[in-house]
Amino acid sequence: MASIAGIGCVFVKCVFPVWKVRSVKWTVPGIHGYGFALLGSGDAVFGITAVGYDDDDGIETWAAQLYAKQGSIQTIINDQGNTAQKCFLERVGTVEKMPAVIPGTDTTTRGVIRIKATRL
């Protein structure tokens, strides 16, 4: 099942990035050309869309659990079952709620939260 920090989600849409070499380009006034400094591996920022279905109170509780994880390092399991450990949750956005009906259940609300994360 898809999850963020052990919090169940119906969907966790994301692609886990791989580390890439980071660099900085610099110039010096009066000298032609450019210089580059290699900073090492990193640059693994990515976006996550978490989706949950429940009644209105259940979505508020789900969102509060995700809000509490902002600023922490967590494990994420996406829709395909791929797992990424040591992901820093930089920003957990505000829940977007919309009506949802799933026949035979008490589900009334669909919640969507967008998260900015960095793979460490």
PDB file of N, CA and C in Angstrom:
ATOM      1  N   MET A   1       0.844  -1.180   0.000  1.00  0.00           N
ATOM      2  CA  MET A   1       0.000   0.000   0.000  1.00  0.00           C
ATOM      3  C   MET A   1       0.892   1.248   0.000  1.00  0.00           C
ATOM      4  N   ALA A   2       0.491   2.241  -0.737  1.00  0.00           N
ATOM      5  CA  ALA A   2       1.232   3.495  -0.797  1.00  0.00           C
ATOM      6  C   ALA A   2       1.174   4.201   0.563  1.00  0.00           C
ATOM      7  N   SER A   3       2.324   4.784   0.958  1.00  0.00           N
ATOM      8  CA  SER A   3       2.347   5.475   2.247  1.00  0.00           C
ATOM      9  C   SER A   3       3.476   6.499   2.294  1.00  0.00           C
ATOM     10  N   ILE A   4       3.308   7.448   3.199  1.00  0.00           N
ATOM     11  CA  ILE A   4       4.334   8.444   3.504  1.00  0.00           C
ATOM     12  C   ILE A   4       4.529   8.404   5.005  1.00  0.00           C
ATOM     13  N   ALA A   5       5.721   8.057   5.450  1.00  0.00           N
ATOM     14  CA  ALA A   5       6.029   7.970   6.884  1.00  0.00           C
ATOM     15  C   ALA A   5       5.092   7.006   7.602  1.00  0.00           C
ATOM     16  N   GLY A   6       4.672   5.949   6.914  1.00  0.00           N
ATOM     17  CA  GLY A   6       3.776   4.971   7.516  1.00  0.00           C
ATOM     18  C   GLY A   6       2.317   5.391   7.535  1.00  0.00           C
ATOM     19  N   ILE A   7       2.001   6.561   6.991  1.00  0.00           N
ATOM     20  CA  ILE A   7       0.628   7.047   6.925  1.00  0.00           C
ATOM     21  C   ILE A   7       0.043   6.579   5.594  1.00  0.00           C
ATOM     22  N   GLY A   8      -0.996   5.752   5.655  1.00  0.00           N
ATOM     23  CA  GLY A   8      -1.577   5.174   4.449  1.00  0.00           C
ATOM     24  C   GLY A   8      -2.205   6.216   3.546  1.00  0.00           C
ATOM     25  N   CYS A   9      -2.002   6.038   2.255  1.00  0.00           N
ATOM     26  CA  CYS A   9      -2.587   6.895   1.229  1.00  0.00           C
ATOM     27  C   CYS A   9      -3.170   5.988   0.152  1.00  0.00           C
ATOM     28  N   VAL A  10      -4.249   6.419  -0.483  1.00  0.00           N
ATOM     29  CA  VAL A  10      -4.798   5.646  -1.588  1.00  0.00           C
ATOM     30  C   VAL A  10      -3.824   5.709  -2.762  1.00  0.00           C
ATOM     31  N   PHE A  11      -3.283   6.902  -3.030  1.00  0.00           N
ATOM     32  CA  PHE A  11      -2.281   7.089  -4.083  1.00  0.00           C
ATOM     33  C   PHE A  11      -1.137   7.935  -3.555  1.00  0.00           C
ATOM     34  N   VAL A  12       0.079   7.614  -3.958  1.00  0.00           N
ATOM     35  CA  VAL A  12       1.255   8.467  -3.744  1.00  0.00           C
ATOM     36  C   VAL A  12       1.934   8.565  -5.103  1.00  0.00           C
ATOM     37  N   LYS A  13       1.693   9.680  -5.769  1.00  0.00           N
ATOM     38  CA  LYS A  13       2.225   9.883  -7.119  1.00  0.00           C
ATOM     39  C   LYS A  13       3.573  10.594  -7.033  1.00  0.00           C
ATOM     40  N   CYS A  14       4.645   9.909  -7.447  1.00  0.00           N
ATOM     41  CA  CYS A  14       5.974  10.517  -7.495  1.00  0.00           C
ATOM     42  C   CYS A  14       6.941   9.576  -8.193  1.00  0.00           C
ATOM     43  N   VAL A  15       8.002  10.152  -8.677  1.00  0.00           N
ATOM     44  CA  VAL A  15       9.115   9.382  -9.233  1.00  0.00           C
ATOM     45  C   VAL A  15      10.330   9.750  -8.401  1.00  0.00           C
ATOM     46  N   PHE A  16      10.999   8.754  -7.851  1.00  0.00           N
ATOM     47  CA  PHE A  16      12.144   9.015  -6.998  1.00  0.00           C
ATOM     48  C   PHE A  16      13.353   9.393  -7.849  1.00  0.00           C
ATOM     49  N   PRO A  17      13.961  10.539  -7.577  1.00  0.00           N
ATOM     50  CA  PRO A  17      15.107  10.973  -8.381  1.00  0.00           C
ATOM     51  C   PRO A  17      16.393  10.256  -7.977  1.00  0.00           C
ATOM     52  N   VAL A  18      17.343  10.252  -8.888  1.00  0.00           N
ATOM     53  CA  VAL A  18      18.675   9.746  -8.583  1.00  0.00           C
ATOM     54  C   VAL A  18      19.584  10.954  -8.360  1.00  0.00           C
ATOM     55  N   TRP A  19      20.641  10.756  -7.618  1.00  0.00           N
ATOM     56  CA  TRP A  19      21.581  11.847  -7.387  1.00  0.00           C
ATOM     57  C   TRP A  19      22.307  12.190  -8.672  1.00  0.00           C
ATOM     58  N   LYS A  20      22.549  13.485  -8.857  1.00  0.00           N
ATOM     59  CA  LYS A  20      23.293  13.975 -10.014  1.00  0.00           C
ATOM     60  C   LYS A  20      24.422  14.868  -9.518  1.00  0.00           C
ATOM     61  N   VAL A  21      25.432  15.037 -10.345  1.00  0.00           N
ATOM     62  CA  VAL A  21      26.534  15.935  -9.978  1.00  0.00           C
ATOM     63  C   VAL A  21      26.028  17.371 -10.027  1.00  0.00           C
ATOM     64  N   ARG A  22      26.262  18.113  -8.959  1.00  0.00           N
ATOM     65  CA  ARG A  22      25.891  19.525  -8.896  1.00  0.00           C
ATOM     66  C   ARG A  22      27.105  20.375  -9.254  1.00  0.00           C
ATOM     67  N   SER A  23      26.841  21.500  -9.890  1.00  0.00           N
ATOM     68  CA  SER A  23      27.944  22.390 -10.258  1.00  0.00           C
ATOM     69  C   SER A  23      27.499  23.844 -10.163  1.00  0.00           C
ATOM     70  N   VAL A  24      28.478  24.734 -10.081  1.00  0.00           N
ATOM     71  CA  VAL A  24      28.242  26.169 -10.056  1.00  0.00           C
ATOM     72  C   VAL A  24      29.105  26.800 -11.138  1.00  0.00           C
ATOM     73  N   LYS A  25      28.483  27.663 -11.954  1.00  0.00           N
ATOM     74  CA  LYS A  25      29.224  28.383 -12.988  1.00  0.00           C
ATOM     75  C   LYS A  25      29.567  29.761 -12.438  1.00  0.00           C
ATOM     76  N   TRP A  26      30.811  30.238 -12.677  1.00  0.00           N
ATOM     77  CA  TRP A  26      31.215  31.544 -12.193  1.00  0.00           C
ATOM     78  C   TRP A  26      32.016  32.275 -13.267  1.00  0.00           C
ATOM     79  N   THR A  27      32.035  33.578 -13.137  1.00  0.00           N
ATOM     80  CA  THR A  27      32.808  34.422 -14.053  1.00  0.00           C
ATOM     81  C   THR A  27      33.585  35.442 -13.241  1.00  0.00           C
ATOM     82  N   VAL A  28      34.629  35.980 -13.857  1.00  0.00           N
ATOM     83  CA  VAL A  28      35.439  37.020 -13.221  1.00  0.00           C
ATOM     84  C   VAL A  28      35.412  38.239 -14.149  1.00  0.00           C
ATOM     85  N   PRO A  29      35.044  39.403 -13.624  1.00  0.00           N
ATOM     86  CA  PRO A  29      35.015  40.601 -14.471  1.00  0.00           C
ATOM     87  C   PRO A  29      36.387  40.864 -15.105  1.00  0.00           C
ATOM     88  N   GLY A  30      36.370  41.152 -16.409  1.00  0.00           N
ATOM     89  CA  GLY A  30      37.598  41.462 -17.119  1.00  0.00           C
ATOM     90  C   GLY A  30      38.334  40.254 -17.672  1.00  0.00           C
ATOM     91  N   ILE A  31      37.872  39.048 -17.366  1.00  0.00           N
ATOM     92  CA  ILE A  31      38.516  37.827 -17.873  1.00  0.00           C
ATOM     93  C   ILE A  31      37.492  37.078 -18.718  1.00  0.00           C
ATOM     94  N   HIS A  32      37.894  36.684 -19.920  1.00  0.00           N
ATOM     95  CA  HIS A  32      36.998  35.961 -20.822  1.00  0.00           C
ATOM     96  C   HIS A  32      36.824  34.519 -20.357  1.00  0.00           C
ATOM     97  N   GLY A  33      35.616  34.012 -20.555  1.00  0.00           N
ATOM     98  CA  GLY A  33      35.350  32.611 -20.263  1.00  0.00           C
ATOM     99  C   GLY A  33      34.588  32.410 -18.962  1.00  0.00           C
ATOM    100  N   TYR A  34      34.473  31.160 -18.606  1.00  0.00           N
ATOM    101  CA  TYR A  34      33.713  30.761 -17.424  1.00  0.00           C
ATOM    102  C   TYR A  34      34.537  29.792 -16.596  1.00  0.00           C
ATOM    103  N   GLY A  35      34.185  29.711 -15.334  1.00  0.00           N
ATOM    104  CA  GLY A  35      34.747  28.689 -14.468  1.00  0.00           C
ATOM    105  C   GLY A  35      33.607  27.851 -13.907  1.00  0.00           C
ATOM    106  N   PHE A  36      33.912  26.618 -13.573  1.00  0.00           N
ATOM    107  CA  PHE A  36      32.911  25.733 -13.003  1.00  0.00           C
ATOM    108  C   PHE A  36      33.495  25.050 -11.775  1.00  0.00           C
ATOM    109  N   ALA A  37      32.692  24.930 -10.756  1.00  0.00           N
ATOM    110  CA  ALA A  37      33.091  24.197  -9.559  1.00  0.00           C
ATOM    111  C   ALA A  37      32.135  23.021  -9.393  1.00  0.00           C
ATOM    112  N   LEU A  38      32.663  21.822  -9.259  1.00  0.00           N
ATOM    113  CA  LEU A  38      31.842  20.648  -9.015  1.00  0.00           C
ATOM    114  C   LEU A  38      31.655  20.507  -7.509  1.00  0.00           C
ATOM    115  N   LEU A  39      30.400  20.392  -7.093  1.00  0.00           N
ATOM    116  CA  LEU A  39      30.068  20.396  -5.667  1.00  0.00           C
ATOM    117  C   LEU A  39      29.787  19.009  -5.103  1.00  0.00           C
ATOM    118  N   GLY A  40      29.791  18.000  -5.931  1.00  0.00           N
ATOM    119  CA  GLY A  40      29.474  16.658  -5.452  1.00  0.00           C
ATOM    120  C   GLY A  40      28.059  16.264  -5.847  1.00  0.00           C
ATOM    121  N   SER A  41      27.646  15.099  -5.431  1.00  0.00           N
ATOM    122  CA  SER A  41      26.339  14.571  -5.817  1.00  0.00           C
ATOM    123  C   SER A  41      25.225  15.132  -4.944  1.00  0.00           C
ATOM    124  N   GLY A  42      24.058  15.210  -5.531  1.00  0.00           N
ATOM    125  CA  GLY A  42      22.877  15.705  -4.822  1.00  0.00           C
ATOM    126  C   GLY A  42      21.805  16.049  -5.831  1.00  0.00           C
ATOM    127  N   ASP A  43      21.143  17.188  -5.656  1.00  0.00           N
ATOM    128  CA  ASP A  43      20.128  17.684  -6.590  1.00  0.00           C
ATOM    129  C   ASP A  43      19.007  16.664  -6.757  1.00  0.00           C
ATOM    130  N   ALA A  44      18.481  16.175  -5.651  1.00  0.00           N
ATOM    131  CA  ALA A  44      17.453  15.143  -5.713  1.00  0.00           C
ATOM    132  C   ALA A  44      16.122  15.628  -5.132  1.00  0.00           C
ATOM    133  N   VAL A  45      15.715  16.841  -5.515  1.00  0.00           N
ATOM    134  CA  VAL A  45      14.436  17.397  -5.067  1.00  0.00           C
ATOM    135  C   VAL A  45      13.332  16.835  -5.951  1.00  0.00           C
ATOM    136  N   PHE A  46      12.190  16.481  -5.355  1.00  0.00           N
ATOM    137  CA  PHE A  46      11.072  15.956  -6.141  1.00  0.00           C
ATOM    138  C   PHE A  46       9.745  16.304  -5.487  1.00  0.00           C
ATOM    139  N   GLY A  47       8.695  16.194  -6.268  1.00  0.00           N
ATOM    140  CA  GLY A  47       7.347  16.479  -5.786  1.00  0.00           C
ATOM    141  C   GLY A  47       6.556  15.203  -5.576  1.00  0.00           C
ATOM    142  N   ILE A  48       5.662  15.255  -4.602  1.00  0.00           N
ATOM    143  CA  ILE A  48       4.800  14.119  -4.272  1.00  0.00           C
ATOM    144  C   ILE A  48       3.361  14.625  -4.249  1.00  0.00           C
ATOM    145  N   THR A  49       2.451  13.840  -4.814  1.00  0.00           N
ATOM    146  CA  THR A  49       1.022  14.116  -4.671  1.00  0.00           C
ATOM    147  C   THR A  49       0.422  12.949  -3.904  1.00  0.00           C
ATOM    148  N   ALA A  50      -0.070  13.233  -2.706  1.00  0.00           N
ATOM    149  CA  ALA A  50      -0.694  12.211  -1.863  1.00  0.00           C
ATOM    150  C   ALA A  50      -2.208  12.371  -1.945  1.00  0.00           C
ATOM    151  N   VAL A  51      -2.911  11.254  -2.109  1.00  0.00           N
ATOM    152  CA  VAL A  51      -4.368  11.274  -2.239  1.00  0.00           C
ATOM    153  C   VAL A  51      -4.976  10.321  -1.224  1.00  0.00           C
ATOM    154  N   GLY A  52      -6.021  10.794  -0.536  1.00  0.00           N
ATOM    155  CA  GLY A  52      -6.748   9.962   0.407  1.00  0.00           C
ATOM    156  C   GLY A  52      -8.243  10.121   0.217  1.00  0.00           C
ATOM    157  N   TYR A  53      -9.001   9.083   0.561  1.00  0.00           N
ATOM    158  CA  TYR A  53     -10.466   9.110   0.502  1.00  0.00           C
ATOM    159  C   TYR A  53     -11.006   8.735   1.873  1.00  0.00           C
ATOM    160  N   ASP A  54     -11.978   9.496   2.362  1.00  0.00           N
ATOM    161  CA  ASP A  54     -12.594   9.219   3.662  1.00  0.00           C
ATOM    162  C   ASP A  54     -13.755  10.189   3.824  1.00  0.00           C
ATOM    163  N   ASP A  55     -14.343  10.212   5.018  1.00  0.00           N
ATOM    164  CA  ASP A  55     -15.313  11.276   5.280  1.00  0.00           C
ATOM    165  C   ASP A  55     -14.532  12.551   5.605  1.00  0.00           C
ATOM    166  N   ASP A  56     -15.217  13.660   5.776  1.00  0.00           N
ATOM    167  CA  ASP A  56     -14.537  14.943   5.954  1.00  0.00           C
ATOM    168  C   ASP A  56     -13.612  14.951   7.177  1.00  0.00           C
ATOM    169  N   ASP A  57     -14.085  14.412   8.296  1.00  0.00           N
ATOM    170  CA  ASP A  57     -13.257  14.372   9.509  1.00  0.00           C
ATOM    171  C   ASP A  57     -12.039  13.465   9.317  1.00  0.00           C
ATOM    172  N   GLY A  58     -12.225  12.354   8.619  1.00  0.00           N
ATOM    173  CA  GLY A  58     -11.107  11.437   8.359  1.00  0.00           C
ATOM    174  C   GLY A  58     -10.026  12.085   7.501  1.00  0.00           C
ATOM    175  N   ILE A  59     -10.433  12.886   6.521  1.00  0.00           N
ATOM    176  CA  ILE A  59      -9.455  13.583   5.681  1.00  0.00           C
ATOM    177  C   ILE A  59      -8.708  14.629   6.499  1.00  0.00           C
ATOM    178  N   GLU A  60      -9.396  15.322   7.387  1.00  0.00           N
ATOM    179  CA  GLU A  60      -8.725  16.304   8.260  1.00  0.00           C
ATOM    180  C   GLU A  60      -7.695  15.626   9.161  1.00  0.00           C
ATOM    181  N   THR A  61      -8.026  14.462   9.698  1.00  0.00           N
ATOM    182  CA  THR A  61      -7.091  13.708  10.539  1.00  0.00           C
ATOM    183  C   THR A  61      -5.892  13.234   9.725  1.00  0.00           C
ATOM    184  N   TRP A  62      -6.150  12.703   8.532  1.00  0.00           N
ATOM    185  CA  TRP A  62      -5.085  12.256   7.619  1.00  0.00           C
ATOM    186  C   TRP A  62      -4.143  13.405   7.277  1.00  0.00           C
ATOM    187  N   ALA A  63      -4.735  14.556   6.956  1.00  0.00           N
ATOM    188  CA  ALA A  63      -3.921  15.728   6.613  1.00  0.00           C
ATOM    189  C   ALA A  63      -3.085  16.182   7.813  1.00  0.00           C
ATOM    190  N   ALA A  64      -3.669  16.192   9.007  1.00  0.00           N
ATOM    191  CA  ALA A  64      -2.936  16.609  10.210  1.00  0.00           C
ATOM    192  C   ALA A  64      -1.743  15.688  10.468  1.00  0.00           C
ATOM    193  N   GLN A  65      -1.917  14.395  10.202  1.00  0.00           N
ATOM    194  CA  GLN A  65      -0.808  13.452  10.374  1.00  0.00           C
ATOM    195  C   GLN A  65       0.328  13.774   9.395  1.00  0.00           C
ATOM    196  N   LEU A  66      -0.011  14.106   8.152  1.00  0.00           N
ATOM    197  CA  LEU A  66       1.012  14.459   7.173  1.00  0.00           C
ATOM    198  C   LEU A  66       1.661  15.802   7.507  1.00  0.00           C
ATOM    199  N   TYR A  67       0.868  16.788   7.949  1.00  0.00           N
ATOM    200  CA  TYR A  67       1.428  18.093   8.339  1.00  0.00           C
ATOM    201  C   TYR A  67       2.488  17.920   9.426  1.00  0.00           C
ATOM    202  N   ALA A  68       2.241  17.004  10.355  1.00  0.00           N
ATOM    203  CA  ALA A  68       3.154  16.781  11.479  1.00  0.00           C
ATOM    204  C   ALA A  68       4.510  16.226  11.023  1.00  0.00           C
ATOM    205  N   LYS A  69       4.582  15.696   9.813  1.00  0.00           N
ATOM    206  CA  LYS A  69       5.833  15.114   9.311  1.00  0.00           C
ATOM    207  C   LYS A  69       6.714  16.123   8.585  1.00  0.00           C
ATOM    208  N   GLN A  70       6.222  17.341   8.363  1.00  0.00           N
ATOM    209  CA  GLN A  70       7.046  18.358   7.691  1.00  0.00           C
ATOM    210  C   GLN A  70       8.322  18.599   8.493  1.00  0.00           C
ATOM    211  N   GLY A  71       9.453  18.673   7.786  1.00  0.00           N
ATOM    212  CA  GLY A  71      10.730  18.912   8.444  1.00  0.00           C
ATOM    213  C   GLY A  71      11.385  17.656   8.992  1.00  0.00           C
ATOM    214  N   SER A  72      10.874  16.496   8.624  1.00  0.00           N
ATOM    215  CA  SER A  72      11.453  15.245   9.132  1.00  0.00           C
ATOM    216  C   SER A  72      11.921  14.359   7.971  1.00  0.00           C
ATOM    217  N   ILE A  73      12.717  13.361   8.304  1.00  0.00           N
ATOM    218  CA  ILE A  73      13.238  12.410   7.319  1.00  0.00           C
ATOM    219  C   ILE A  73      12.395  11.142   7.413  1.00  0.00           C
ATOM    220  N   GLN A  74      11.829  10.725   6.273  1.00  0.00           N
ATOM    221  CA  GLN A  74      10.859   9.639   6.272  1.00  0.00           C
ATOM    222  C   GLN A  74      11.081   8.666   5.121  1.00  0.00           C
ATOM    223  N   THR A  75      10.371   7.546   5.176  1.00  0.00           N
ATOM    224  CA  THR A  75      10.336   6.559   4.097  1.00  0.00           C
ATOM    225  C   THR A  75       9.046   6.743   3.315  1.00  0.00           C
ATOM    226  N   ILE A  76       9.146   6.665   1.979  1.00  0.00           N
ATOM    227  CA  ILE A  76       7.989   6.843   1.111  1.00  0.00           C
ATOM    228  C   ILE A  76       7.845   5.615   0.232  1.00  0.00           C
ATOM    229  N   ILE A  77       6.608   5.124   0.106  1.00  0.00           N
ATOM    230  CA  ILE A  77       6.290   4.032  -0.814  1.00  0.00           C
ATOM    231  C   ILE A  77       5.290   4.578  -1.818  1.00  0.00           C
ATOM    232  N   ASN A  78       5.645   4.564  -3.117  1.00  0.00           N
ATOM    233  CA  ASN A  78       4.754   5.139  -4.122  1.00  0.00           C
ATOM    234  C   ASN A  78       3.769   4.096  -4.664  1.00  0.00           C
ATOM    235  N   ASP A  79       2.953   4.518  -5.642  1.00  0.00           N
ATOM    236  CA  ASP A  79       1.911   3.646  -6.205  1.00  0.00           C
ATOM    237  C   ASP A  79       2.447   2.358  -6.807  1.00  0.00           C
ATOM    238  N   GLN A  80       3.652   2.413  -7.358  1.00  0.00           N
ATOM    239  CA  GLN A  80       4.227   1.226  -7.986  1.00  0.00           C
ATOM    240  C   GLN A  80       4.880   0.283  -6.983  1.00  0.00           C
ATOM    241  N   GLY A  81       4.868   0.662  -5.715  1.00  0.00           N
ATOM    242  CA  GLY A  81       5.482  -0.165  -4.683  1.00  0.00           C
ATOM    243  C   GLY A  81       6.960   0.103  -4.498  1.00  0.00           C
ATOM    244  N   ASN A  82       7.502   1.098  -5.195  1.00  0.00           N
ATOM    245  CA  ASN A  82       8.904   1.476  -5.021  1.00  0.00           C
ATOM    246  C   ASN A  82       9.069   2.210  -3.699  1.00  0.00           C
ATOM    247  N   THR A  83      10.162   1.943  -3.010  1.00  0.00           N
ATOM    248  CA  THR A  83      10.414   2.541  -1.703  1.00  0.00           C
ATOM    249  C   THR A  83      11.653   3.425  -1.751  1.00  0.00           C
ATOM    250  N   ALA A  84      11.547   4.597  -1.146  1.00  0.00           N
ATOM    251  CA  ALA A  84      12.701   5.488  -0.988  1.00  0.00           C
ATOM    252  C   ALA A  84      12.827   5.813   0.492  1.00  0.00           C
ATOM    253  N   GLN A  85      13.967   5.490   1.055  1.00  0.00           N
ATOM    254  CA  GLN A  85      14.231   5.819   2.453  1.00  0.00           C
ATOM    255  C   GLN A  85      15.010   7.123   2.509  1.00  0.00           C
ATOM    256  N   LYS A  86      15.051   7.728   3.662  1.00  0.00           N
ATOM    257  CA  LYS A  86      15.794   8.969   3.908  1.00  0.00           C
ATOM    258  C   LYS A  86      15.366  10.092   2.956  1.00  0.00           C
ATOM    259  N   CYS A  87      14.072  10.390   2.969  1.00  0.00           N
ATOM    260  CA  CYS A  87      13.529  11.511   2.206  1.00  0.00           C
ATOM    261  C   CYS A  87      13.149  12.615   3.190  1.00  0.00           C
ATOM    262  N   PHE A  88      13.719  13.805   2.986  1.00  0.00           N
ATOM    263  CA  PHE A  88      13.418  14.952   3.853  1.00  0.00           C
ATOM    264  C   PHE A  88      12.179  15.648   3.311  1.00  0.00           C
ATOM    265  N   LEU A  89      11.134  15.730   4.127  1.00  0.00           N
ATOM    266  CA  LEU A  89       9.886  16.382   3.716  1.00  0.00           C
ATOM    267  C   LEU A  89      10.008  17.881   3.989  1.00  0.00           C
ATOM    268  N   GLU A  90      10.359  18.639   2.944  1.00  0.00           N
ATOM    269  CA  GLU A  90      10.603  20.078   3.084  1.00  0.00           C
ATOM    270  C   GLU A  90       9.331  20.871   3.331  1.00  0.00           C
ATOM    271  N   ARG A  91       8.295  20.567   2.543  1.00  0.00           N
ATOM    272  CA  ARG A  91       7.058  21.336   2.650  1.00  0.00           C
ATOM    273  C   ARG A  91       5.869  20.422   2.386  1.00  0.00           C
ATOM    274  N   VAL A  92       4.941  20.417   3.339  1.00  0.00           N
ATOM    275  CA  VAL A  92       3.693  19.678   3.181  1.00  0.00           C
ATOM    276  C   VAL A  92       2.606  20.713   2.954  1.00  0.00           C
ATOM    277  N   GLY A  93       2.035  20.717   1.765  1.00  0.00           N
ATOM    278  CA  GLY A  93       1.041  21.729   1.395  1.00  0.00           C
ATOM    279  C   GLY A  93      -0.289  21.536   2.097  1.00  0.00           C
ATOM    280  N   THR A  94      -1.185  22.466   1.872  1.00  0.00           N
ATOM    281  CA  THR A  94      -2.524  22.434   2.448  1.00  0.00           C
ATOM    282  C   THR A  94      -3.389  21.432   1.696  1.00  0.00           C
ATOM    283  N   VAL A  95      -4.234  20.733   2.428  1.00  0.00           N
ATOM    284  CA  VAL A  95      -5.101  19.732   1.804  1.00  0.00           C
ATOM    285  C   VAL A  95      -6.145  20.426   0.920  1.00  0.00           C
ATOM    286  N   GLU A  96      -6.341  19.861  -0.267  1.00  0.00           N
ATOM    287  CA  GLU A  96      -7.407  20.289  -1.163  1.00  0.00           C
ATOM    288  C   GLU A  96      -8.494  19.226  -1.064  1.00  0.00           C
ATOM    289  N   LYS A  97      -9.681  19.653  -0.636  1.00  0.00           N
ATOM    290  CA  LYS A  97     -10.779  18.687  -0.470  1.00  0.00           C
ATOM    291  C   LYS A  97     -11.816  18.874  -1.562  1.00  0.00           C
ATOM    292  N   MET A  98     -12.367  17.754  -2.017  1.00  0.00           N
ATOM    293  CA  MET A  98     -13.431  17.782  -3.013  1.00  0.00           C
ATOM    294  C   MET A  98     -14.379  16.624  -2.737  1.00  0.00           C
ATOM    295  N   PRO A  99     -15.622  16.732  -3.178  1.00  0.00           N
ATOM    296  CA  PRO A  99     -16.580  15.655  -2.943  1.00  0.00           C
ATOM    297  C   PRO A  99     -16.165  14.374  -3.659  1.00  0.00           C
ATOM    298  N   ALA A 100     -16.468  13.256  -3.042  1.00  0.00           N
ATOM    299  CA  ALA A 100     -16.186  11.950  -3.642  1.00  0.00           C
ATOM    300  C   ALA A 100     -17.244  10.963  -3.170  1.00  0.00           C
ATOM    301  N   VAL A 101     -17.665  10.097  -4.064  1.00  0.00           N
ATOM    302  CA  VAL A 101     -18.635   9.073  -3.704  1.00  0.00           C
ATOM    303  C   VAL A 101     -18.110   7.732  -4.192  1.00  0.00           C
ATOM    304  N   ILE A 102     -17.976   6.805  -3.260  1.00  0.00           N
ATOM    305  CA  ILE A 102     -17.600   5.442  -3.608  1.00  0.00           C
ATOM    306  C   ILE A 102     -18.768   4.568  -3.146  1.00  0.00           C
ATOM    307  N   PRO A 103     -19.531   4.012  -4.080  1.00  0.00           N
ATOM    308  CA  PRO A 103     -20.713   3.223  -3.707  1.00  0.00           C
ATOM    309  C   PRO A 103     -20.398   2.132  -2.696  1.00  0.00           C
ATOM    310  N   GLY A 104     -21.285   1.996  -1.719  1.00  0.00           N
ATOM    311  CA  GLY A 104     -21.128   0.965  -0.705  1.00  0.00           C
ATOM    312  C   GLY A 104     -20.210   1.348   0.441  1.00  0.00           C
ATOM    313  N   THR A 105     -19.727   2.615   0.474  1.00  0.00           N
ATOM    314  CA  THR A 105     -18.857   3.076   1.567  1.00  0.00           C
ATOM    315  C   THR A 105     -19.401   4.384   2.136  1.00  0.00           C
ATOM    316  N   ASP A 106     -18.798   4.826   3.238  1.00  0.00           N
ATOM    317  CA  ASP A 106     -19.168   6.110   3.844  1.00  0.00           C
ATOM    318  C   ASP A 106     -18.294   7.249   3.325  1.00  0.00           C
ATOM    319  N   THR A 107     -17.521   6.987   2.293  1.00  0.00           N
ATOM    320  CA  THR A 107     -16.613   7.993   1.744  1.00  0.00           C
ATOM    321  C   THR A 107     -17.396   9.157   1.161  1.00  0.00           C
ATOM    322  N   THR A 108     -17.012  10.368   1.575  1.00  0.00           N
ATOM    323  CA  THR A 108     -17.671  11.565   1.058  1.00  0.00           C
ATOM    324  C   THR A 108     -16.668  12.591   0.544  1.00  0.00           C
ATOM    325  N   THR A 109     -15.369  12.391   0.845  1.00  0.00           N
ATOM    326  CA  THR A 109     -14.372  13.422   0.545  1.00  0.00           C
ATOM    327  C   THR A 109     -13.099  12.802  -0.026  1.00  0.00           C
ATOM    328  N   ARG A 110     -12.546  13.494  -1.013  1.00  0.00           N
ATOM    329  CA  ARG A 110     -11.231  13.155  -1.562  1.00  0.00           C
ATOM    330  C   ARG A 110     -10.276  14.264  -1.142  1.00  0.00           C
ATOM    331  N   GLY A 111      -9.154  13.893  -0.541  1.00  0.00           N
ATOM    332  CA  GLY A 111      -8.154  14.881  -0.120  1.00  0.00           C
ATOM    333  C   GLY A 111      -6.883  14.718  -0.929  1.00  0.00           C
ATOM    334  N   VAL A 112      -6.304  15.858  -1.357  1.00  0.00           N
ATOM    335  CA  VAL A 112      -5.062  15.847  -2.119  1.00  0.00           C
ATOM    336  C   VAL A 112      -4.080  16.794  -1.439  1.00  0.00           C
ATOM    337  N   ILE A 113      -2.856  16.308  -1.182  1.00  0.00           N
ATOM    338  CA  ILE A 113      -1.812  17.132  -0.585  1.00  0.00           C
ATOM    339  C   ILE A 113      -0.569  17.029  -1.447  1.00  0.00           C
ATOM    340  N   ARG A 114       0.009  18.174  -1.765  1.00  0.00           N
ATOM    341  CA  ARG A 114       1.259  18.211  -2.537  1.00  0.00           C
ATOM    342  C   ARG A 114       2.414  18.456  -1.581  1.00  0.00           C
ATOM    343  N   ILE A 115       3.475  17.671  -1.751  1.00  0.00           N
ATOM    344  CA  ILE A 115       4.619  17.709  -0.840  1.00  0.00           C
ATOM    345  C   ILE A 115       5.897  17.918  -1.645  1.00  0.00           C
ATOM    346  N   LYS A 116       6.785  18.751  -1.122  1.00  0.00           N
ATOM    347  CA  LYS A 116       8.108  18.935  -1.714  1.00  0.00           C
ATOM    348  C   LYS A 116       9.093  18.172  -0.828  1.00  0.00           C
ATOM    349  N   ALA A 117       9.904  17.307  -1.456  1.00  0.00           N
ATOM    350  CA  ALA A 117      10.825  16.458  -0.694  1.00  0.00           C
ATOM    351  C   ALA A 117      12.203  16.429  -1.364  1.00  0.00           C
ATOM    352  N   THR A 118      13.200  16.048  -0.578  1.00  0.00           N
ATOM    353  CA  THR A 118      14.549  15.852  -1.089  1.00  0.00           C
ATOM    354  C   THR A 118      15.023  14.477  -0.651  1.00  0.00           C
ATOM    355  N   ARG A 119      15.535  13.724  -1.611  1.00  0.00           N
ATOM    356  CA  ARG A 119      16.080  12.405  -1.283  1.00  0.00           C
ATOM    357  C   ARG A 119      17.505  12.576  -0.820  1.00  0.00           C
ATOM    358  N   LEU A 120      17.791  12.097   0.392  1.00  0.00           N
ATOM    359  CA  LEU A 120      19.131  12.253   0.976  1.00  0.00           C
ATOM    360  C   LEU A 120      20.029  11.082   0.631  1.00  0.00           C
TER     361      LEU A 120
END
